[in-house]
PDB file of all heavy atoms in Angstrom:
ATOM      1  N   ALA A   1     -98.580 -65.660-126.980  1.00  0.00           N
ATOM      2  CA  ALA A   1     -99.291 -66.853-126.841  1.00  0.00           C
ATOM      3  C   ALA A   1     -99.715 -67.115-125.474  1.00  0.00           C
ATOM      4  O   ALA A   1    -100.899 -67.517-125.198  1.00  0.00           O
ATOM      5  CB  ALA A   1     -98.430 -67.913-127.338  1.00  0.00           C
ATOM      6  N   MET A   2     -98.861 -66.936-124.505  1.00  0.00           N
ATOM      7  CA  MET A   2     -99.115 -67.168-123.053  1.00  0.00           C
ATOM      8  C   MET A   2    -100.327 -66.119-122.649  1.00  0.00           C
ATOM      9  O   MET A   2    -101.246 -66.586-121.816  1.00  0.00           O
ATOM     10  CB  MET A   2     -98.023 -66.839-122.157  1.00  0.00           C
ATOM     11  CG  MET A   2     -96.974 -68.041-122.228  1.00  0.00           C
ATOM     12  SD  MET A   2     -97.638 -69.692-121.688  1.00  0.00           S
ATOM     13  CE  MET A   2     -98.096 -69.296-119.928  1.00  0.00           C
ATOM     14  N   GLU A   3    -100.228 -64.906-123.072  1.00  0.00           N
ATOM     15  CA  GLU A   3    -101.282 -64.006-122.666  1.00  0.00           C
ATOM     16  C   GLU A   3    -102.799 -64.406-123.291  1.00  0.00           C
ATOM     17  O   GLU A   3    -103.673 -64.356-122.454  1.00  0.00           O
ATOM     18  CB  GLU A   3    -100.887 -62.588-123.209  1.00  0.00           C
ATOM     19  CG  GLU A   3    -101.799 -61.526-122.831  1.00  0.00           C
ATOM     20  CD  GLU A   3    -101.368 -60.124-123.233  1.00  0.00           C
ATOM     21  OE1 GLU A   3    -100.097 -59.692-123.073  1.00  0.00           O
ATOM     22  OE2 GLU A   3    -102.199 -59.385-123.836  1.00  0.00           O
ATOM     23  N   ARG A   4    -102.577 -64.834-124.518  1.00  0.00           N
ATOM     24  CA  ARG A   4    -103.948 -65.214-125.049  1.00  0.00           C
ATOM     25  C   ARG A   4    -104.371 -66.605-124.419  1.00  0.00           C
ATOM     26  O   ARG A   4    -105.572 -66.661-124.124  1.00  0.00           O
ATOM     27  CB  ARG A   4    -103.719 -65.508-126.498  1.00  0.00           C
ATOM     28  CG  ARG A   4    -104.937 -66.122-127.142  1.00  0.00           C
ATOM     29  CD  ARG A   4    -106.145 -65.170-127.171  1.00  0.00           C
ATOM     30  NE  ARG A   4    -107.329 -65.751-127.797  1.00  0.00           N
ATOM     31  CZ  ARG A   4    -108.530 -65.648-127.310  1.00  0.00           C
ATOM     32  NH1 ARG A   4    -108.825 -64.953-126.131  1.00  0.00           N
ATOM     33  NH2 ARG A   4    -109.580 -66.360-127.870  1.00  0.00           N
ATOM     34  N   LEU A   5    -103.508 -67.444-123.940  1.00  0.00           N
ATOM     35  CA  LEU A   5    -103.820 -68.640-123.264  1.00  0.00           C
ATOM     36  C   LEU A   5    -104.520 -68.275-121.825  1.00  0.00           C
ATOM     37  O   LEU A   5    -105.516 -68.915-121.509  1.00  0.00           O
ATOM     38  CB  LEU A   5    -102.693 -69.559-123.044  1.00  0.00           C
ATOM     39  CG  LEU A   5    -102.857 -70.972-122.504  1.00  0.00           C
ATOM     40  CD1 LEU A   5    -103.921 -71.753-123.241  1.00  0.00           C
ATOM     41  CD2 LEU A   5    -101.562 -71.758-122.478  1.00  0.00           C
ATOM     42  N   GLU A   6    -103.997 -67.284-121.244  1.00  0.00           N
ATOM     43  CA  GLU A   6    -104.579 -66.881-119.935  1.00  0.00           C
ATOM     44  C   GLU A   6    -105.929 -66.271-120.016  1.00  0.00           C
ATOM     45  O   GLU A   6    -106.912 -66.594-119.340  1.00  0.00           O
ATOM     46  CB  GLU A   6    -103.608 -65.830-119.285  1.00  0.00           C
ATOM     47  CG  GLU A   6    -102.329 -66.427-118.745  1.00  0.00           C
ATOM     48  CD  GLU A   6    -101.379 -65.267-118.239  1.00  0.00           C
ATOM     49  OE1 GLU A   6    -101.823 -64.207-118.028  1.00  0.00           O
ATOM     50  OE2 GLU A   6    -100.131 -65.714-117.902  1.00  0.00           O
ATOM     51  N   GLU A   7    -106.009 -65.583-121.259  1.00  0.00           N
ATOM     52  CA  GLU A   7    -107.452 -65.038-121.436  1.00  0.00           C
ATOM     53  C   GLU A   7    -108.442 -66.132-121.722  1.00  0.00           C
ATOM     54  O   GLU A   7    -109.596 -66.129-121.280  1.00  0.00           O
ATOM     55  CB  GLU A   7    -107.367 -64.139-122.780  1.00  0.00           C
ATOM     56  CG  GLU A   7    -106.624 -62.857-122.522  1.00  0.00           C
ATOM     57  CD  GLU A   7    -106.519 -62.072-123.941  1.00  0.00           C
ATOM     58  OE1 GLU A   7    -106.910 -62.616-124.993  1.00  0.00           O
ATOM     59  OE2 GLU A   7    -105.858 -61.055-123.921  1.00  0.00           O
ATOM     60  N   ILE A   8    -108.013 -67.283-122.563  1.00  0.00           N
ATOM     61  CA  ILE A   8    -108.911 -68.279-122.803  1.00  0.00           C
ATOM     62  C   ILE A   8    -109.311 -69.070-121.532  1.00  0.00           C
ATOM     63  O   ILE A   8    -110.486 -69.499-121.210  1.00  0.00           O
ATOM     64  CB  ILE A   8    -108.262 -69.305-123.794  1.00  0.00           C
ATOM     65  CG1 ILE A   8    -108.198 -68.556-125.174  1.00  0.00           C
ATOM     66  CG2 ILE A   8    -108.916 -70.671-123.873  1.00  0.00           C
ATOM     67  CD1 ILE A   8    -107.334 -69.422-126.183  1.00  0.00           C
ATOM     68  N   VAL A   9    -108.207 -69.252-120.708  1.00  0.00           N
ATOM     69  CA  VAL A   9    -108.534 -69.961-119.320  1.00  0.00           C
ATOM     70  C   VAL A   9    -109.529 -69.234-118.583  1.00  0.00           C
ATOM     71  O   VAL A   9    -110.488 -69.720-118.044  1.00  0.00           O
ATOM     72  CB  VAL A   9    -107.171 -70.195-118.556  1.00  0.00           C
ATOM     73  CG1 VAL A   9    -107.538 -70.577-117.166  1.00  0.00           C
ATOM     74  CG2 VAL A   9    -106.207 -71.222-119.345  1.00  0.00           C
ATOM     75  N   GLN A  10    -109.361 -67.851-118.443  1.00  0.00           N
ATOM     76  CA  GLN A  10    -110.306 -67.062-117.704  1.00  0.00           C
ATOM     77  C   GLN A  10    -111.738 -67.131-118.211  1.00  0.00           C
ATOM     78  O   GLN A  10    -112.631 -67.187-117.416  1.00  0.00           O
ATOM     79  CB  GLN A  10    -109.904 -65.604-117.618  1.00  0.00           C
ATOM     80  CG  GLN A  10    -108.556 -65.372-116.820  1.00  0.00           C
ATOM     81  CD  GLN A  10    -108.113 -63.897-116.724  1.00  0.00           C
ATOM     82  OE1 GLN A  10    -108.630 -63.143-117.577  1.00  0.00           O
ATOM     83  NE2 GLN A  10    -107.091 -63.660-116.045  1.00  0.00           N
ATOM     84  N   GLY A  11    -111.813 -67.068-119.568  1.00  0.00           N
ATOM     85  CA  GLY A  11    -113.112 -67.206-120.202  1.00  0.00           C
ATOM     86  C   GLY A  11    -113.829 -68.486-120.014  1.00  0.00           C
ATOM     87  O   GLY A  11    -114.914 -68.608-119.740  1.00  0.00           O
ATOM     88  N   LEU A  12    -112.956 -69.615-120.082  1.00  0.00           N
ATOM     89  CA  LEU A  12    -113.534 -70.910-119.725  1.00  0.00           C
ATOM     90  C   LEU A  12    -113.969 -71.064-118.232  1.00  0.00           C
ATOM     91  O   LEU A  12    -114.898 -71.707-117.850  1.00  0.00           O
ATOM     92  CB  LEU A  12    -112.458 -72.021-120.091  1.00  0.00           C
ATOM     93  CG  LEU A  12    -112.335 -72.194-121.630  1.00  0.00           C
ATOM     94  CD1 LEU A  12    -111.125 -73.019-121.864  1.00  0.00           C
ATOM     95  CD2 LEU A  12    -113.540 -72.694-122.345  1.00  0.00           C
ATOM     96  N   GLU A  13    -113.083 -70.589-117.364  1.00  0.00           N
ATOM     97  CA  GLU A  13    -113.370 -70.691-115.961  1.00  0.00           C
ATOM     98  C   GLU A  13    -114.609 -69.915-115.650  1.00  0.00           C
ATOM     99  O   GLU A  13    -115.402 -70.213-114.643  1.00  0.00           O
ATOM    100  CB  GLU A  13    -112.182 -70.174-115.095  1.00  0.00           C
ATOM    101  CG  GLU A  13    -111.043 -71.179-115.099  1.00  0.00           C
ATOM    102  CD  GLU A  13    -109.893 -70.760-114.304  1.00  0.00           C
ATOM    103  OE1 GLU A  13    -109.761 -69.483-114.094  1.00  0.00           O
ATOM    104  OE2 GLU A  13    -109.089 -71.427-113.976  1.00  0.00           O
ATOM    105  N   GLY A  14    -114.876 -68.780-116.316  1.00  0.00           N
ATOM    106  CA  GLY A  14    -116.125 -67.830-116.112  1.00  0.00           C
ATOM    107  C   GLY A  14    -117.491 -68.682-116.304  1.00  0.00           C
ATOM    108  O   GLY A  14    -118.393 -68.360-115.662  1.00  0.00           O
ATOM    109  N   GLY A  15    -117.376 -69.738-117.083  1.00  0.00           N
ATOM    110  CA  GLY A  15    -118.585 -70.608-117.369  1.00  0.00           C
ATOM    111  C   GLY A  15    -119.731 -69.916-118.062  1.00  0.00           C
ATOM    112  O   GLY A  15    -120.822 -70.424-118.019  1.00  0.00           O
ATOM    113  N   GLU A  16    -119.488 -68.661-118.775  1.00  0.00           N
ATOM    114  CA  GLU A  16    -120.566 -67.951-119.365  1.00  0.00           C
ATOM    115  C   GLU A  16    -120.577 -68.137-120.821  1.00  0.00           C
ATOM    116  O   GLU A  16    -121.566 -67.681-121.579  1.00  0.00           O
ATOM    117  CB  GLU A  16    -120.397 -66.603-119.062  1.00  0.00           C
ATOM    118  CG  GLU A  16    -120.618 -66.227-117.502  1.00  0.00           C
ATOM    119  CD  GLU A  16    -120.381 -64.838-117.172  1.00  0.00           C
ATOM    120  OE1 GLU A  16    -120.476 -63.982-118.045  1.00  0.00           O
ATOM    121  OE2 GLU A  16    -120.294 -64.432-115.964  1.00  0.00           O
ATOM    122  N   LEU A  17    -119.635 -68.837-121.383  1.00  0.00           N
ATOM    123  CA  LEU A  17    -119.626 -69.067-122.798  1.00  0.00           C
ATOM    124  C   LEU A  17    -120.500 -70.204-123.269  1.00  0.00           C
ATOM    125  O   LEU A  17    -120.687 -71.155-122.550  1.00  0.00           O
ATOM    126  CB  LEU A  17    -118.283 -69.381-123.338  1.00  0.00           C
ATOM    127  CG  LEU A  17    -117.074 -68.460-123.220  1.00  0.00           C
ATOM    128  CD1 LEU A  17    -115.692 -69.066-123.517  1.00  0.00           C
ATOM    129  CD2 LEU A  17    -117.401 -67.281-124.118  1.00  0.00           C
ATOM    130  N   PRO A  18    -121.108 -70.063-124.395  1.00  0.00           N
ATOM    131  CA  PRO A  18    -121.964 -71.180-124.827  1.00  0.00           C
ATOM    132  C   PRO A  18    -121.115 -72.377-125.146  1.00  0.00           C
ATOM    133  O   PRO A  18    -119.905 -72.142-125.368  1.00  0.00           O
ATOM    134  CB  PRO A  18    -122.661 -70.696-126.131  1.00  0.00           C
ATOM    135  CG  PRO A  18    -122.529 -69.210-126.094  1.00  0.00           C
ATOM    136  CD  PRO A  18    -121.307 -68.912-125.241  1.00  0.00           C
ATOM    137  N   LEU A  19    -121.522 -73.606-125.223  1.00  0.00           N
ATOM    138  CA  LEU A  19    -120.803 -74.807-125.325  1.00  0.00           C
ATOM    139  C   LEU A  19    -119.943 -74.694-126.646  1.00  0.00           C
ATOM    140  O   LEU A  19    -118.833 -75.053-126.611  1.00  0.00           O
ATOM    141  CB  LEU A  19    -121.725 -76.065-125.423  1.00  0.00           C
ATOM    142  CG  LEU A  19    -121.010 -77.363-125.622  1.00  0.00           C
ATOM    143  CD1 LEU A  19    -120.003 -77.635-124.396  1.00  0.00           C
ATOM    144  CD2 LEU A  19    -122.020 -78.534-125.598  1.00  0.00           C
ATOM    145  N   SER A  20    -120.540 -74.321-127.726  1.00  0.00           N
ATOM    146  CA  SER A  20    -119.797 -74.277-128.979  1.00  0.00           C
ATOM    147  C   SER A  20    -118.626 -73.387-128.905  1.00  0.00           C
ATOM    148  O   SER A  20    -117.575 -73.621-129.330  1.00  0.00           O
ATOM    149  CB  SER A  20    -120.626 -73.951-130.252  1.00  0.00           C
ATOM    150  OG  SER A  20    -121.227 -72.576-129.930  1.00  0.00           O
ATOM    151  N   ASP A  21    -118.826 -72.150-128.196  1.00  0.00           N
ATOM    152  CA  ASP A  21    -117.732 -71.227-128.072  1.00  0.00           C
ATOM    153  C   ASP A  21    -116.646 -71.814-126.995  1.00  0.00           C
ATOM    154  O   ASP A  21    -115.420 -71.580-127.249  1.00  0.00           O
ATOM    155  CB  ASP A  21    -118.177 -69.896-127.555  1.00  0.00           C
ATOM    156  CG  ASP A  21    -119.115 -69.089-128.598  1.00  0.00           C
ATOM    157  OD1 ASP A  21    -118.925 -69.540-129.766  1.00  0.00           O
ATOM    158  OD2 ASP A  21    -119.768 -68.268-128.266  1.00  0.00           O
ATOM    159  N   SER A  22    -117.103 -72.617-126.120  1.00  0.00           N
ATOM    160  CA  SER A  22    -116.235 -73.077-125.192  1.00  0.00           C
ATOM    161  C   SER A  22    -115.286 -74.201-125.879  1.00  0.00           C
ATOM    162  O   SER A  22    -114.069 -74.159-125.529  1.00  0.00           O
ATOM    163  CB  SER A  22    -116.993 -73.809-123.941  1.00  0.00           C
ATOM    164  OG  SER A  22    -117.589 -72.832-123.086  1.00  0.00           O
ATOM    165  N   LEU A  23    -115.885 -74.935-126.636  1.00  0.00           N
ATOM    166  CA  LEU A  23    -115.132 -75.873-127.421  1.00  0.00           C
ATOM    167  C   LEU A  23    -114.077 -75.315-128.449  1.00  0.00           C
ATOM    168  O   LEU A  23    -112.959 -75.647-128.431  1.00  0.00           O
ATOM    169  CB  LEU A  23    -116.000 -76.829-128.189  1.00  0.00           C
ATOM    170  CG  LEU A  23    -116.847 -77.823-127.378  1.00  0.00           C
ATOM    171  CD1 LEU A  23    -117.791 -78.598-128.150  1.00  0.00           C
ATOM    172  CD2 LEU A  23    -115.877 -78.722-126.730  1.00  0.00           C
ATOM    173  N   LYS A  24    -114.587 -74.173-128.968  1.00  0.00           N
ATOM    174  CA  LYS A  24    -113.526 -73.531-129.996  1.00  0.00           C
ATOM    175  C   LYS A  24    -112.399 -72.963-129.090  1.00  0.00           C
ATOM    176  O   LYS A  24    -111.272 -72.935-129.444  1.00  0.00           O
ATOM    177  CB  LYS A  24    -114.269 -72.344-130.626  1.00  0.00           C
ATOM    178  CG  LYS A  24    -115.196 -72.911-131.790  1.00  0.00           C
ATOM    179  CD  LYS A  24    -115.825 -71.689-132.397  1.00  0.00           C
ATOM    180  CE  LYS A  24    -116.772 -72.264-133.465  1.00  0.00           C
ATOM    181  NZ  LYS A  24    -117.696 -71.155-134.011  1.00  0.00           N
ATOM    182  N   SER A  25    -112.828 -72.304-127.892  1.00  0.00           N
ATOM    183  CA  SER A  25    -111.637 -71.678-127.134  1.00  0.00           C
ATOM    184  C   SER A  25    -110.729 -72.723-126.533  1.00  0.00           C
ATOM    185  O   SER A  25    -109.492 -72.597-126.589  1.00  0.00           O
ATOM    186  CB  SER A  25    -112.387 -70.936-125.918  1.00  0.00           C
ATOM    187  OG  SER A  25    -113.098 -69.848-126.325  1.00  0.00           O
ATOM    188  N   PHE A  26    -111.319 -73.837-126.252  1.00  0.00           N
ATOM    189  CA  PHE A  26    -110.491 -75.092-125.605  1.00  0.00           C
ATOM    190  C   PHE A  26    -109.547 -75.525-126.743  1.00  0.00           C
ATOM    191  O   PHE A  26    -108.441 -75.625-126.388  1.00  0.00           O
ATOM    192  CB  PHE A  26    -111.403 -76.174-125.257  1.00  0.00           C
ATOM    193  CG  PHE A  26    -110.666 -77.377-124.613  1.00  0.00           C
ATOM    194  CD1 PHE A  26    -110.267 -77.301-123.262  1.00  0.00           C
ATOM    195  CD2 PHE A  26    -110.429 -78.471-125.406  1.00  0.00           C
ATOM    196  CE1 PHE A  26    -109.413 -78.347-122.869  1.00  0.00           C
ATOM    197  CE2 PHE A  26    -109.763 -79.432-124.855  1.00  0.00           C
ATOM    198  CZ  PHE A  26    -109.263 -79.433-123.589  1.00  0.00           C
ATOM    199  N   GLU A  27    -110.004 -75.633-128.036  1.00  0.00           N
ATOM    200  CA  GLU A  27    -109.173 -75.990-129.034  1.00  0.00           C
ATOM    201  C   GLU A  27    -108.054 -75.148-129.274  1.00  0.00           C
ATOM    202  O   GLU A  27    -106.996 -75.441-129.506  1.00  0.00           O
ATOM    203  CB  GLU A  27    -110.080 -76.239-130.254  1.00  0.00           C
ATOM    204  CG  GLU A  27    -109.321 -76.870-131.404  1.00  0.00           C
ATOM    205  CD  GLU A  27    -110.132 -77.157-132.741  1.00  0.00           C
ATOM    206  OE1 GLU A  27    -111.421 -76.853-132.561  1.00  0.00           O
ATOM    207  OE2 GLU A  27    -109.610 -77.612-133.618  1.00  0.00           O
ATOM    208  N   GLU A  28    -108.309 -73.833-129.335  1.00  0.00           N
ATOM    209  CA  GLU A  28    -107.328 -72.726-129.471  1.00  0.00           C
ATOM    210  C   GLU A  28    -106.442 -72.852-128.386  1.00  0.00           C
ATOM    211  O   GLU A  28    -105.205 -72.646-128.577  1.00  0.00           O
ATOM    212  CB  GLU A  28    -108.041 -71.259-129.669  1.00  0.00           C
ATOM    213  CG  GLU A  28    -106.939 -70.216-129.779  1.00  0.00           C
ATOM    214  CD  GLU A  28    -107.666 -68.785-129.613  1.00  0.00           C
ATOM    215  OE1 GLU A  28    -108.805 -68.715-129.591  1.00  0.00           O
ATOM    216  OE2 GLU A  28    -106.859 -67.950-129.805  1.00  0.00           O
ATOM    217  N   GLY A  29    -106.861 -73.018-127.119  1.00  0.00           N
ATOM    218  CA  GLY A  29    -106.059 -73.175-125.914  1.00  0.00           C
ATOM    219  C   GLY A  29    -105.023 -74.265-126.055  1.00  0.00           C
ATOM    220  O   GLY A  29    -103.868 -74.216-125.777  1.00  0.00           O
ATOM    221  N   MET A  30    -105.527 -75.371-126.500  1.00  0.00           N
ATOM    222  CA  MET A  30    -104.632 -76.471-126.628  1.00  0.00           C
ATOM    223  C   MET A  30    -103.596 -76.338-127.709  1.00  0.00           C
ATOM    224  O   MET A  30    -102.398 -76.710-127.480  1.00  0.00           O
ATOM    225  CB  MET A  30    -105.438 -77.797-127.083  1.00  0.00           C
ATOM    226  CG  MET A  30    -106.416 -78.350-126.005  1.00  0.00           C
ATOM    227  SD  MET A  30    -105.489 -78.690-124.566  1.00  0.00           S
ATOM    228  CE  MET A  30    -104.548 -80.181-125.140  1.00  0.00           C
ATOM    229  N   ASP A  31    -103.916 -75.612-128.796  1.00  0.00           N
ATOM    230  CA  ASP A  31    -102.901 -75.282-129.812  1.00  0.00           C
ATOM    231  C   ASP A  31    -101.939 -74.373-129.268  1.00  0.00           C
ATOM    232  O   ASP A  31    -100.651 -74.435-129.573  1.00  0.00           O
ATOM    233  CB  ASP A  31    -103.604 -74.619-131.133  1.00  0.00           C
ATOM    234  CG  ASP A  31    -104.471 -75.644-131.841  1.00  0.00           C
ATOM    235  OD1 ASP A  31    -104.185 -76.766-131.826  1.00  0.00           O
ATOM    236  OD2 ASP A  31    -105.300 -75.159-132.712  1.00  0.00           O
ATOM    237  N   LEU A  32    -102.382 -73.332-128.495  1.00  0.00           N
ATOM    238  CA  LEU A  32    -101.419 -72.451-127.891  1.00  0.00           C
ATOM    239  C   LEU A  32    -100.473 -73.155-126.859  1.00  0.00           C
ATOM    240  O   LEU A  32     -99.344 -72.889-126.797  1.00  0.00           O
ATOM    241  CB  LEU A  32    -102.279 -71.322-127.259  1.00  0.00           C
ATOM    242  CG  LEU A  32    -102.826 -70.270-128.153  1.00  0.00           C
ATOM    243  CD1 LEU A  32    -103.812 -69.446-127.364  1.00  0.00           C
ATOM    244  CD2 LEU A  32    -101.717 -69.541-128.874  1.00  0.00           C
ATOM    245  N   ALA A  33    -101.091 -74.030-126.066  1.00  0.00           N
ATOM    246  CA  ALA A  33    -100.288 -74.754-125.080  1.00  0.00           C
ATOM    247  C   ALA A  33     -99.141 -75.669-125.754  1.00  0.00           C
ATOM    248  O   ALA A  33     -98.125 -75.684-125.223  1.00  0.00           O
ATOM    249  CB  ALA A  33    -101.122 -75.712-124.229  1.00  0.00           C
ATOM    250  N   LYS A  34     -99.595 -76.206-126.984  1.00  0.00           N
ATOM    251  CA  LYS A  34     -98.539 -77.018-127.639  1.00  0.00           C
ATOM    252  C   LYS A  34     -97.462 -76.093-128.143  1.00  0.00           C
ATOM    253  O   LYS A  34     -96.353 -76.398-128.149  1.00  0.00           O
ATOM    254  CB  LYS A  34     -99.212 -77.692-128.797  1.00  0.00           C
ATOM    255  CG  LYS A  34    -100.088 -78.880-128.295  1.00  0.00           C
ATOM    256  CD  LYS A  34    -100.674 -79.574-129.472  1.00  0.00           C
ATOM    257  CE  LYS A  34    -101.704 -80.584-128.928  1.00  0.00           C
ATOM    258  NZ  LYS A  34    -102.521 -81.125-130.091  1.00  0.00           N
ATOM    259  N   PHE A  35     -97.845 -74.956-128.676  1.00  0.00           N
ATOM    260  CA  PHE A  35     -96.898 -73.976-129.184  1.00  0.00           C
ATOM    261  C   PHE A  35     -95.932 -73.450-128.152  1.00  0.00           C
ATOM    262  O   PHE A  35     -94.744 -73.531-128.317  1.00  0.00           O
ATOM    263  CB  PHE A  35     -97.601 -72.663-129.812  1.00  0.00           C
ATOM    264  CG  PHE A  35     -96.785 -71.591-130.204  1.00  0.00           C
ATOM    265  CD1 PHE A  35     -96.021 -71.503-131.338  1.00  0.00           C
ATOM    266  CD2 PHE A  35     -96.647 -70.443-129.253  1.00  0.00           C
ATOM    267  CE1 PHE A  35     -95.117 -70.478-131.533  1.00  0.00           C
ATOM    268  CE2 PHE A  35     -95.874 -69.422-129.663  1.00  0.00           C
ATOM    269  CZ  PHE A  35     -95.010 -69.405-130.742  1.00  0.00           C
ATOM    270  N   CYS A  36     -96.471 -73.146-126.969  1.00  0.00           N
ATOM    271  CA  CYS A  36     -95.609 -72.727-125.853  1.00  0.00           C
ATOM    272  C   CYS A  36     -94.785 -73.738-125.380  1.00  0.00           C
ATOM    273  O   CYS A  36     -93.513 -73.534-125.104  1.00  0.00           O
ATOM    274  CB  CYS A  36     -96.534 -72.247-124.658  1.00  0.00           C
ATOM    275  SG  CYS A  36     -97.324 -70.579-125.000  1.00  0.00           S
ATOM    276  N   SER A  37     -95.277 -75.014-125.392  1.00  0.00           N
ATOM    277  CA  SER A  37     -94.412 -76.109-124.916  1.00  0.00           C
ATOM    278  C   SER A  37     -93.141 -76.325-125.829  1.00  0.00           C
ATOM    279  O   SER A  37     -92.067 -76.538-125.452  1.00  0.00           O
ATOM    280  CB  SER A  37     -95.253 -77.365-124.921  1.00  0.00           C
ATOM    281  OG  SER A  37     -94.409 -78.501-124.544  1.00  0.00           O
TER     282      SER A  37
END
């Protein structure tokens, strides 16, 4: 989960994802962050 969360953060920081993909990634990242917590 932490590895996937790191991948998501890198993808979002890259700024190359379309808005809809960014929102999906952000949502997945939030779920992963809650799981890790």
